[in-house]
Amino acid sequence: MSVNYSHCLVYVTAADAEEARLIGRAMVEARLAACANVFPQMVPIFLWEGEIGEGSESVVIMKTTRERAEELIAAVEAMHSYECPCAVILPLAGGSRAFLDWISHETVPQGDA
């Protein structure tokens, strides 16, 4: 089944709240995201290099368009401290038309506005 969506969330984990804030702010300033929400503390439990790990991370969730999502992920990867950062696209099946229109408006590249 093919999913057709125009807007998405990009979910990114970060080493701490400061890194999550820096990533979120940079993506909004670059107009790659209309908004970034930082969740300052979570406990990840994960497998890495054959070992179970547990630690502390932060999450940043960014609202963007399908057209800007890959560029946003590339920008996140370029500034992220992790060797293998979690940066995934979560398609939005729908939502408030006014909110989705706002995302579209705020993610237009500066020269195209």
C-alpha atoms as a PDB file:
ATOM      1  CA  MET A   1       0.000   0.000   0.000  1.00  0.00           C
ATOM      2  CA  SER A   2       1.342   3.413  -0.946  1.00  0.00           C
ATOM      3  CA  VAL A   3       0.881   6.207   1.581  1.00  0.00           C
ATOM      4  CA  ASN A   4       0.425   9.647   0.132  1.00  0.00           C
ATOM      5  CA  TYR A   5       1.171  12.385   2.633  1.00  0.00           C
ATOM      6  CA  SER A   6       2.193  16.016   2.410  1.00  0.00           C
ATOM      7  CA  HIS A   7       3.306  16.668   6.004  1.00  0.00           C
ATOM      8  CA  CYS A   8       5.291  14.718   8.549  1.00  0.00           C
ATOM      9  CA  LEU A   9       6.993  14.717  11.897  1.00  0.00           C
ATOM     10  CA  VAL A  10      10.710  14.050  12.111  1.00  0.00           C
ATOM     11  CA  TYR A  11      11.617  12.279  15.342  1.00  0.00           C
ATOM     12  CA  VAL A  12      15.224  12.690  16.490  1.00  0.00           C
ATOM     13  CA  THR A  13      16.955  11.541  19.669  1.00  0.00           C
ATOM     14  CA  ALA A  14      19.851  13.562  21.055  1.00  0.00           C
ATOM     15  CA  ALA A  15      22.510  13.112  23.731  1.00  0.00           C
ATOM     16  CA  ASP A  16      20.913  15.742  25.972  1.00  0.00           C
ATOM     17  CA  ALA A  17      18.428  18.611  26.049  1.00  0.00           C
ATOM     18  CA  GLU A  18      21.017  21.149  24.895  1.00  0.00           C
ATOM     19  CA  GLU A  19      21.811  19.175  21.734  1.00  0.00           C
ATOM     20  CA  ALA A  20      18.081  18.663  21.089  1.00  0.00           C
ATOM     21  CA  ARG A  21      17.499  22.430  21.469  1.00  0.00           C
ATOM     22  CA  LEU A  22      20.397  23.267  19.144  1.00  0.00           C
ATOM     23  CA  ILE A  23      19.110  20.853  16.504  1.00  0.00           C
ATOM     24  CA  GLY A  24      15.533  22.108  16.797  1.00  0.00           C
ATOM     25  CA  ARG A  25      16.528  25.767  16.648  1.00  0.00           C
ATOM     26  CA  ALA A  26      18.842  25.212  13.660  1.00  0.00           C
ATOM     27  CA  MET A  27      16.132  23.397  11.703  1.00  0.00           C
ATOM     28  CA  VAL A  28      13.535  26.107  12.394  1.00  0.00           C
ATOM     29  CA  GLU A  29      16.029  28.894  11.550  1.00  0.00           C
ATOM     30  CA  ALA A  30      16.821  27.120   8.258  1.00  0.00           C
ATOM     31  CA  ARG A  31      13.061  26.811   7.572  1.00  0.00           C
ATOM     32  CA  LEU A  32      13.463  23.045   7.314  1.00  0.00           C
ATOM     33  CA  ALA A  33      10.931  22.734  10.157  1.00  0.00           C
ATOM     34  CA  ALA A  34       8.070  24.989  11.182  1.00  0.00           C
ATOM     35  CA  CYS A  35       8.342  23.966  14.821  1.00  0.00           C
ATOM     36  CA  ALA A  36      10.449  21.789  17.094  1.00  0.00           C
ATOM     37  CA  ASN A  37       9.306  20.276  20.383  1.00  0.00           C
ATOM     38  CA  VAL A  38      12.010  19.202  22.816  1.00  0.00           C
ATOM     39  CA  PHE A  39      11.328  16.511  25.389  1.00  0.00           C
ATOM     40  CA  PRO A  40      14.294  16.981  27.710  1.00  0.00           C
ATOM     41  CA  GLN A  41      14.548  13.575  29.333  1.00  0.00           C
ATOM     42  CA  MET A  42      13.856   9.968  28.430  1.00  0.00           C
ATOM     43  CA  VAL A  43      15.481   6.636  29.194  1.00  0.00           C
ATOM     44  CA  PRO A  44      16.572   4.682  26.109  1.00  0.00           C
ATOM     45  CA  ILE A  45      17.086   0.927  26.343  1.00  0.00           C
ATOM     46  CA  PHE A  46      18.877  -0.316  23.245  1.00  0.00           C
ATOM     47  CA  LEU A  47      21.120  -2.840  21.559  1.00  0.00           C
ATOM     48  CA  TRP A  48      24.418  -1.396  20.325  1.00  0.00           C
ATOM     49  CA  GLU A  49      27.341  -3.479  19.112  1.00  0.00           C
ATOM     50  CA  GLY A  50      25.856  -6.630  20.653  1.00  0.00           C
ATOM     51  CA  GLU A  51      25.298  -5.167  24.123  1.00  0.00           C
ATOM     52  CA  ILE A  52      22.155  -3.941  25.848  1.00  0.00           C
ATOM     53  CA  GLY A  53      22.577  -0.352  26.929  1.00  0.00           C
ATOM     54  CA  GLU A  54      20.540   2.077  28.972  1.00  0.00           C
ATOM     55  CA  GLY A  55      21.113   5.751  29.398  1.00  0.00           C
ATOM     56  CA  SER A  56      19.606   9.198  29.184  1.00  0.00           C
ATOM     57  CA  GLU A  57      18.611  11.090  26.041  1.00  0.00           C
ATOM     58  CA  SER A  58      16.380  13.885  24.859  1.00  0.00           C
ATOM     59  CA  VAL A  59      13.959  13.917  21.947  1.00  0.00           C
ATOM     60  CA  VAL A  60      13.167  16.629  19.438  1.00  0.00           C
ATOM     61  CA  ILE A  61      10.111  16.266  17.212  1.00  0.00           C
ATOM     62  CA  MET A  62       9.954  18.600  14.245  1.00  0.00           C
ATOM     63  CA  LYS A  63       7.003  19.443  12.011  1.00  0.00           C
ATOM     64  CA  THR A  64       7.774  19.745   8.320  1.00  0.00           C
ATOM     65  CA  THR A  65       6.649  18.860   4.809  1.00  0.00           C
ATOM     66  CA  ARG A  66       7.459  15.734   2.873  1.00  0.00           C
ATOM     67  CA  GLU A  67       9.456  17.884   0.433  1.00  0.00           C
ATOM     68  CA  ARG A  68      11.735  19.251   3.197  1.00  0.00           C
ATOM     69  CA  ALA A  69      12.084  16.085   5.316  1.00  0.00           C
ATOM     70  CA  GLU A  70      15.122  14.506   3.613  1.00  0.00           C
ATOM     71  CA  GLU A  71      17.027  17.808   3.642  1.00  0.00           C
ATOM     72  CA  LEU A  72      16.120  18.223   7.322  1.00  0.00           C
ATOM     73  CA  ILE A  73      17.464  14.746   8.141  1.00  0.00           C
ATOM     74  CA  ALA A  74      20.691  15.432   6.234  1.00  0.00           C
ATOM     75  CA  ALA A  75      21.146  18.677   8.196  1.00  0.00           C
ATOM     76  CA  VAL A  76      20.491  16.868  11.490  1.00  0.00           C
ATOM     77  CA  GLU A  77      23.035  14.175  10.633  1.00  0.00           C
ATOM     78  CA  ALA A  78      25.631  16.830   9.768  1.00  0.00           C
ATOM     79  CA  MET A  79      25.404  18.437  13.216  1.00  0.00           C
ATOM     80  CA  HIS A  80      24.556  15.444  15.421  1.00  0.00           C
ATOM     81  CA  SER A  81      27.016  14.061  17.983  1.00  0.00           C
ATOM     82  CA  TYR A  82      26.042  10.410  17.421  1.00  0.00           C
ATOM     83  CA  GLU A  83      27.735   8.073  14.966  1.00  0.00           C
ATOM     84  CA  CYS A  84      24.298   6.636  14.094  1.00  0.00           C
ATOM     85  CA  PRO A  85      21.616   9.179  15.034  1.00  0.00           C
ATOM     86  CA  CYS A  86      17.945   8.260  15.165  1.00  0.00           C
ATOM     87  CA  ALA A  87      16.245  10.567  12.670  1.00  0.00           C
ATOM     88  CA  VAL A  88      13.039   9.131  11.227  1.00  0.00           C
ATOM     89  CA  ILE A  89      10.108  10.461   9.242  1.00  0.00           C
ATOM     90  CA  LEU A  90       6.614   9.854  10.604  1.00  0.00           C
ATOM     91  CA  PRO A  91       4.027  10.648   7.896  1.00  0.00           C
ATOM     92  CA  LEU A  92       0.910  12.518   8.977  1.00  0.00           C
ATOM     93  CA  ALA A  93      -2.264  10.994   7.558  1.00  0.00           C
ATOM     94  CA  GLY A  94      -4.175  14.211   8.212  1.00  0.00           C
ATOM     95  CA  GLY A  95      -4.881  16.908  10.735  1.00  0.00           C
ATOM     96  CA  SER A  96      -6.116  20.428  11.191  1.00  0.00           C
ATOM     97  CA  ARG A  97      -6.018  22.083   7.753  1.00  0.00           C
ATOM     98  CA  ALA A  98      -5.013  25.419   9.312  1.00  0.00           C
ATOM     99  CA  PHE A  99      -2.120  23.762  11.164  1.00  0.00           C
ATOM    100  CA  LEU A 100      -0.904  21.855   8.093  1.00  0.00           C
ATOM    101  CA  ASP A 101      -1.118  25.033   6.006  1.00  0.00           C
ATOM    102  CA  TRP A 102       0.968  26.832   8.657  1.00  0.00           C
ATOM    103  CA  ILE A 103       3.655  24.121   8.420  1.00  0.00           C
ATOM    104  CA  SER A 104       3.696  24.512   4.626  1.00  0.00           C
ATOM    105  CA  HIS A 105       3.977  28.289   4.873  1.00  0.00           C
ATOM    106  CA  GLU A 106       6.778  28.274   7.456  1.00  0.00           C
ATOM    107  CA  THR A 107       8.944  25.744   5.604  1.00  0.00           C
ATOM    108  CA  VAL A 108       9.119  27.584   2.301  1.00  0.00           C
ATOM    109  CA  PRO A 109      12.818  28.307   1.609  1.00  0.00           C
ATOM    110  CA  GLN A 110      13.693  31.984   2.204  1.00  0.00           C
ATOM    111  CA  GLY A 111      14.287  32.828  -1.457  1.00  0.00           C
ATOM    112  CA  ASP A 112      10.965  31.255  -2.497  1.00  0.00           C
ATOM    113  CA  ALA A 113       8.698  33.074  -0.017  1.00  0.00           C
END
